[in-house]
């Protein structure tokens, strides 16, 4: 095989590979779900969410959570917020937080994460009912 032919075959192969889309999931293929839809009002309350792959239903471990917010937007009090502190979980795909939920009502947990090897950002807004 001549050098020109070998070079041409290599260029053709690279062009073909570049035109082939990679089979990667979209952020819409993943979602967070509350483990418990309601919790007791109080200080130092535990809130846990599961991150799942919608295509298979399997849990997704090792996501990088980089944005969280807890507010009372569902009860038209978006400025009523409380801090969230991430807590280590021993269960793959479960992400735990501690927070102070001193007011009963509906609270919104906004959460965003990156999943290694996947495209986009997973973002969900989950409604948690806080009861007395």
C-alpha atoms as a PDB file:
ATOM      1  CA  UNK A   1       0.000   0.000   0.000  1.00  0.00           C
ATOM      2  CA  UNK A   2       1.418   3.411  -0.909  1.00  0.00           C
ATOM      3  CA  UNK A   3       1.813   6.151   1.703  1.00  0.00           C
ATOM      4  CA  UNK A   4      -0.762   8.313  -0.114  1.00  0.00           C
ATOM      5  CA  UNK A   5      -3.329   5.485  -0.066  1.00  0.00           C
ATOM      6  CA  UNK A   6      -2.656   4.759   3.628  1.00  0.00           C
ATOM      7  CA  UNK A   7      -3.023   8.458   4.494  1.00  0.00           C
ATOM      8  CA  UNK A   8      -6.246   8.684   2.478  1.00  0.00           C
ATOM      9  CA  UNK A   9      -7.697   5.624   4.225  1.00  0.00           C
ATOM     10  CA  UNK A  10      -6.817   7.089   7.622  1.00  0.00           C
ATOM     11  CA  UNK A  11      -8.461  10.425   6.758  1.00  0.00           C
ATOM     12  CA  UNK A  12     -11.586   8.617   5.497  1.00  0.00           C
ATOM     13  CA  UNK A  13     -11.792   6.546   8.690  1.00  0.00           C
ATOM     14  CA  UNK A  14     -11.418   9.614  10.918  1.00  0.00           C
ATOM     15  CA  UNK A  15     -14.096  11.482   8.944  1.00  0.00           C
ATOM     16  CA  UNK A  16     -16.446   8.517   9.278  1.00  0.00           C
ATOM     17  CA  UNK A  17     -15.875   8.313  13.044  1.00  0.00           C
ATOM     18  CA  UNK A  18     -16.404  12.058  13.455  1.00  0.00           C
ATOM     19  CA  UNK A  19     -19.733  11.848  11.627  1.00  0.00           C
ATOM     20  CA  UNK A  20     -20.994   8.984  13.823  1.00  0.00           C
ATOM     21  CA  UNK A  21     -22.844  10.322  16.882  1.00  0.00           C
ATOM     22  CA  UNK A  22     -21.813   8.933  20.240  1.00  0.00           C
ATOM     23  CA  UNK A  23     -24.492   7.000  22.093  1.00  0.00           C
ATOM     24  CA  UNK A  24     -24.751   9.248  25.125  1.00  0.00           C
ATOM     25  CA  UNK A  25     -27.759   9.967  27.253  1.00  0.00           C
ATOM     26  CA  UNK A  26     -29.408  13.332  27.488  1.00  0.00           C
ATOM     27  CA  UNK A  27     -30.039  15.071  30.802  1.00  0.00           C
ATOM     28  CA  UNK A  28     -33.762  14.459  30.229  1.00  0.00           C
ATOM     29  CA  UNK A  29     -33.040  10.706  30.584  1.00  0.00           C
ATOM     30  CA  UNK A  30     -32.411  11.212  34.312  1.00  0.00           C
ATOM     31  CA  UNK A  31     -34.511  12.496  37.183  1.00  0.00           C
ATOM     32  CA  UNK A  32     -34.477  13.037  40.904  1.00  0.00           C
ATOM     33  CA  UNK A  33     -37.337  11.654  43.010  1.00  0.00           C
ATOM     34  CA  UNK A  34     -38.114  12.291  46.656  1.00  0.00           C
ATOM     35  CA  UNK A  35     -37.907   9.180  48.815  1.00  0.00           C
ATOM     36  CA  UNK A  36     -40.635  10.589  51.079  1.00  0.00           C
ATOM     37  CA  UNK A  37     -43.168  13.118  49.702  1.00  0.00           C
ATOM     38  CA  UNK A  38     -43.809  14.543  53.179  1.00  0.00           C
ATOM     39  CA  UNK A  39     -41.758  15.088  56.339  1.00  0.00           C
ATOM     40  CA  UNK A  40     -42.372  16.310  59.871  1.00  0.00           C
ATOM     41  CA  UNK A  41     -41.814  20.001  60.540  1.00  0.00           C
ATOM     42  CA  UNK A  42     -38.704  20.730  62.609  1.00  0.00           C
ATOM     43  CA  UNK A  43     -35.014  21.507  62.889  1.00  0.00           C
ATOM     44  CA  UNK A  44     -32.402  19.206  61.372  1.00  0.00           C
ATOM     45  CA  UNK A  45     -34.838  17.351  59.105  1.00  0.00           C
ATOM     46  CA  UNK A  46     -33.552  14.684  56.731  1.00  0.00           C
ATOM     47  CA  UNK A  47     -34.552  14.906  53.062  1.00  0.00           C
ATOM     48  CA  UNK A  48     -33.441  12.185  50.658  1.00  0.00           C
ATOM     49  CA  UNK A  49     -33.720  11.977  46.882  1.00  0.00           C
ATOM     50  CA  UNK A  50     -32.989   9.183  44.455  1.00  0.00           C
ATOM     51  CA  UNK A  51     -31.389   9.869  41.082  1.00  0.00           C
ATOM     52  CA  UNK A  52     -32.564   7.403  38.452  1.00  0.00           C
ATOM     53  CA  UNK A  53     -31.953   6.668  34.815  1.00  0.00           C
ATOM     54  CA  UNK A  54     -35.442   6.847  33.272  1.00  0.00           C
ATOM     55  CA  UNK A  55     -34.502   4.455  30.482  1.00  0.00           C
ATOM     56  CA  UNK A  56     -33.671   1.575  32.806  1.00  0.00           C
ATOM     57  CA  UNK A  57     -35.101   2.646  36.160  1.00  0.00           C
ATOM     58  CA  UNK A  58     -31.718   2.004  37.757  1.00  0.00           C
ATOM     59  CA  UNK A  59     -30.134   4.302  40.372  1.00  0.00           C
ATOM     60  CA  UNK A  60     -27.342   6.640  39.328  1.00  0.00           C
ATOM     61  CA  UNK A  61     -24.442   6.885  41.753  1.00  0.00           C
ATOM     62  CA  UNK A  62     -21.604   9.410  41.906  1.00  0.00           C
ATOM     63  CA  UNK A  63     -23.418  12.373  40.382  1.00  0.00           C
ATOM     64  CA  UNK A  64     -21.915  15.739  41.232  1.00  0.00           C
ATOM     65  CA  UNK A  65     -24.573  17.829  42.979  1.00  0.00           C
ATOM     66  CA  UNK A  66     -23.671  21.462  42.458  1.00  0.00           C
ATOM     67  CA  UNK A  67     -26.837  23.456  43.036  1.00  0.00           C
ATOM     68  CA  UNK A  68     -29.529  23.078  45.649  1.00  0.00           C
ATOM     69  CA  UNK A  69     -32.196  25.376  46.981  1.00  0.00           C
ATOM     70  CA  UNK A  70     -35.104  24.877  49.366  1.00  0.00           C
ATOM     71  CA  UNK A  71     -37.876  27.488  49.298  1.00  0.00           C
ATOM     72  CA  UNK A  72     -41.619  27.865  49.779  1.00  0.00           C
ATOM     73  CA  UNK A  73     -42.424  28.907  46.202  1.00  0.00           C
ATOM     74  CA  UNK A  74     -45.397  26.473  45.974  1.00  0.00           C
ATOM     75  CA  UNK A  75     -47.063  28.469  48.782  1.00  0.00           C
ATOM     76  CA  UNK A  76     -46.210  31.777  47.017  1.00  0.00           C
ATOM     77  CA  UNK A  77     -43.341  32.535  49.421  1.00  0.00           C
ATOM     78  CA  UNK A  78     -40.291  32.024  47.202  1.00  0.00           C
ATOM     79  CA  UNK A  79     -38.203  34.328  49.384  1.00  0.00           C
ATOM     80  CA  UNK A  80     -38.736  31.959  52.356  1.00  0.00           C
ATOM     81  CA  UNK A  81     -35.625  29.766  52.068  1.00  0.00           C
ATOM     82  CA  UNK A  82     -33.641  27.455  54.271  1.00  0.00           C
ATOM     83  CA  UNK A  83     -30.119  26.075  53.808  1.00  0.00           C
ATOM     84  CA  UNK A  84     -29.467  22.495  52.725  1.00  0.00           C
ATOM     85  CA  UNK A  85     -26.429  20.546  53.849  1.00  0.00           C
ATOM     86  CA  UNK A  86     -25.386  17.450  51.909  1.00  0.00           C
ATOM     87  CA  UNK A  87     -24.943  14.319  54.030  1.00  0.00           C
ATOM     88  CA  UNK A  88     -22.943  11.289  52.957  1.00  0.00           C
ATOM     89  CA  UNK A  89     -25.029   8.337  51.780  1.00  0.00           C
ATOM     90  CA  UNK A  90     -24.013   4.685  51.792  1.00  0.00           C
ATOM     91  CA  UNK A  91     -26.702   3.727  49.261  1.00  0.00           C
ATOM     92  CA  UNK A  92     -25.770   4.226  45.584  1.00  0.00           C
ATOM     93  CA  UNK A  93     -28.103   6.664  43.847  1.00  0.00           C
ATOM     94  CA  UNK A  94     -29.459   8.166  47.092  1.00  0.00           C
ATOM     95  CA  UNK A  95     -28.516  11.747  47.944  1.00  0.00           C
ATOM     96  CA  UNK A  96     -29.227  12.950  51.500  1.00  0.00           C
ATOM     97  CA  UNK A  97     -29.602  16.464  52.874  1.00  0.00           C
ATOM     98  CA  UNK A  98     -30.256  18.014  56.273  1.00  0.00           C
ATOM     99  CA  UNK A  99     -32.300  21.185  56.577  1.00  0.00           C
ATOM    100  CA  UNK A 100     -34.477  23.198  58.945  1.00  0.00           C
ATOM    101  CA  UNK A 101     -38.131  23.106  57.956  1.00  0.00           C
ATOM    102  CA  UNK A 102     -39.684  25.197  60.697  1.00  0.00           C
ATOM    103  CA  UNK A 103     -42.812  26.165  58.760  1.00  0.00           C
ATOM    104  CA  UNK A 104     -45.451  23.706  57.621  1.00  0.00           C
ATOM    105  CA  UNK A 105     -46.628  23.840  54.016  1.00  0.00           C
ATOM    106  CA  UNK A 106     -45.241  23.053  50.594  1.00  0.00           C
ATOM    107  CA  UNK A 107     -41.514  23.436  50.054  1.00  0.00           C
ATOM    108  CA  UNK A 108     -39.713  23.224  46.718  1.00  0.00           C
ATOM    109  CA  UNK A 109     -36.369  21.462  46.468  1.00  0.00           C
ATOM    110  CA  UNK A 110     -34.487  22.649  43.398  1.00  0.00           C
ATOM    111  CA  UNK A 111     -31.535  20.425  42.590  1.00  0.00           C
ATOM    112  CA  UNK A 112     -28.995  20.245  39.762  1.00  0.00           C
ATOM    113  CA  UNK A 113     -26.324  17.671  39.032  1.00  0.00           C
ATOM    114  CA  UNK A 114     -23.789  16.526  36.491  1.00  0.00           C
ATOM    115  CA  UNK A 115     -23.466  12.851  35.694  1.00  0.00           C
ATOM    116  CA  UNK A 116     -20.023  11.730  34.626  1.00  0.00           C
ATOM    117  CA  UNK A 117     -19.856  10.787  30.972  1.00  0.00           C
ATOM    118  CA  UNK A 118     -23.277  12.256  30.148  1.00  0.00           C
ATOM    119  CA  UNK A 119     -24.313  15.385  28.284  1.00  0.00           C
ATOM    120  CA  UNK A 120     -26.071  18.277  29.983  1.00  0.00           C
ATOM    121  CA  UNK A 121     -27.233  19.045  33.484  1.00  0.00           C
ATOM    122  CA  UNK A 122     -29.945  17.163  35.342  1.00  0.00           C
ATOM    123  CA  UNK A 123     -32.279  19.676  36.958  1.00  0.00           C
ATOM    124  CA  UNK A 124     -35.440  18.963  38.920  1.00  0.00           C
ATOM    125  CA  UNK A 125     -37.828  20.856  41.154  1.00  0.00           C
ATOM    126  CA  UNK A 126     -39.486  18.605  43.677  1.00  0.00           C
ATOM    127  CA  UNK A 127     -42.366  19.504  45.981  1.00  0.00           C
ATOM    128  CA  UNK A 128     -42.093  18.361  49.585  1.00  0.00           C
ATOM    129  CA  UNK A 129     -45.014  18.602  51.996  1.00  0.00           C
ATOM    130  CA  UNK A 130     -44.035  19.623  55.535  1.00  0.00           C
ATOM    131  CA  UNK A 131     -46.594  18.593  58.156  1.00  0.00           C
ATOM    132  CA  UNK A 132     -46.843  19.551  61.862  1.00  0.00           C
END
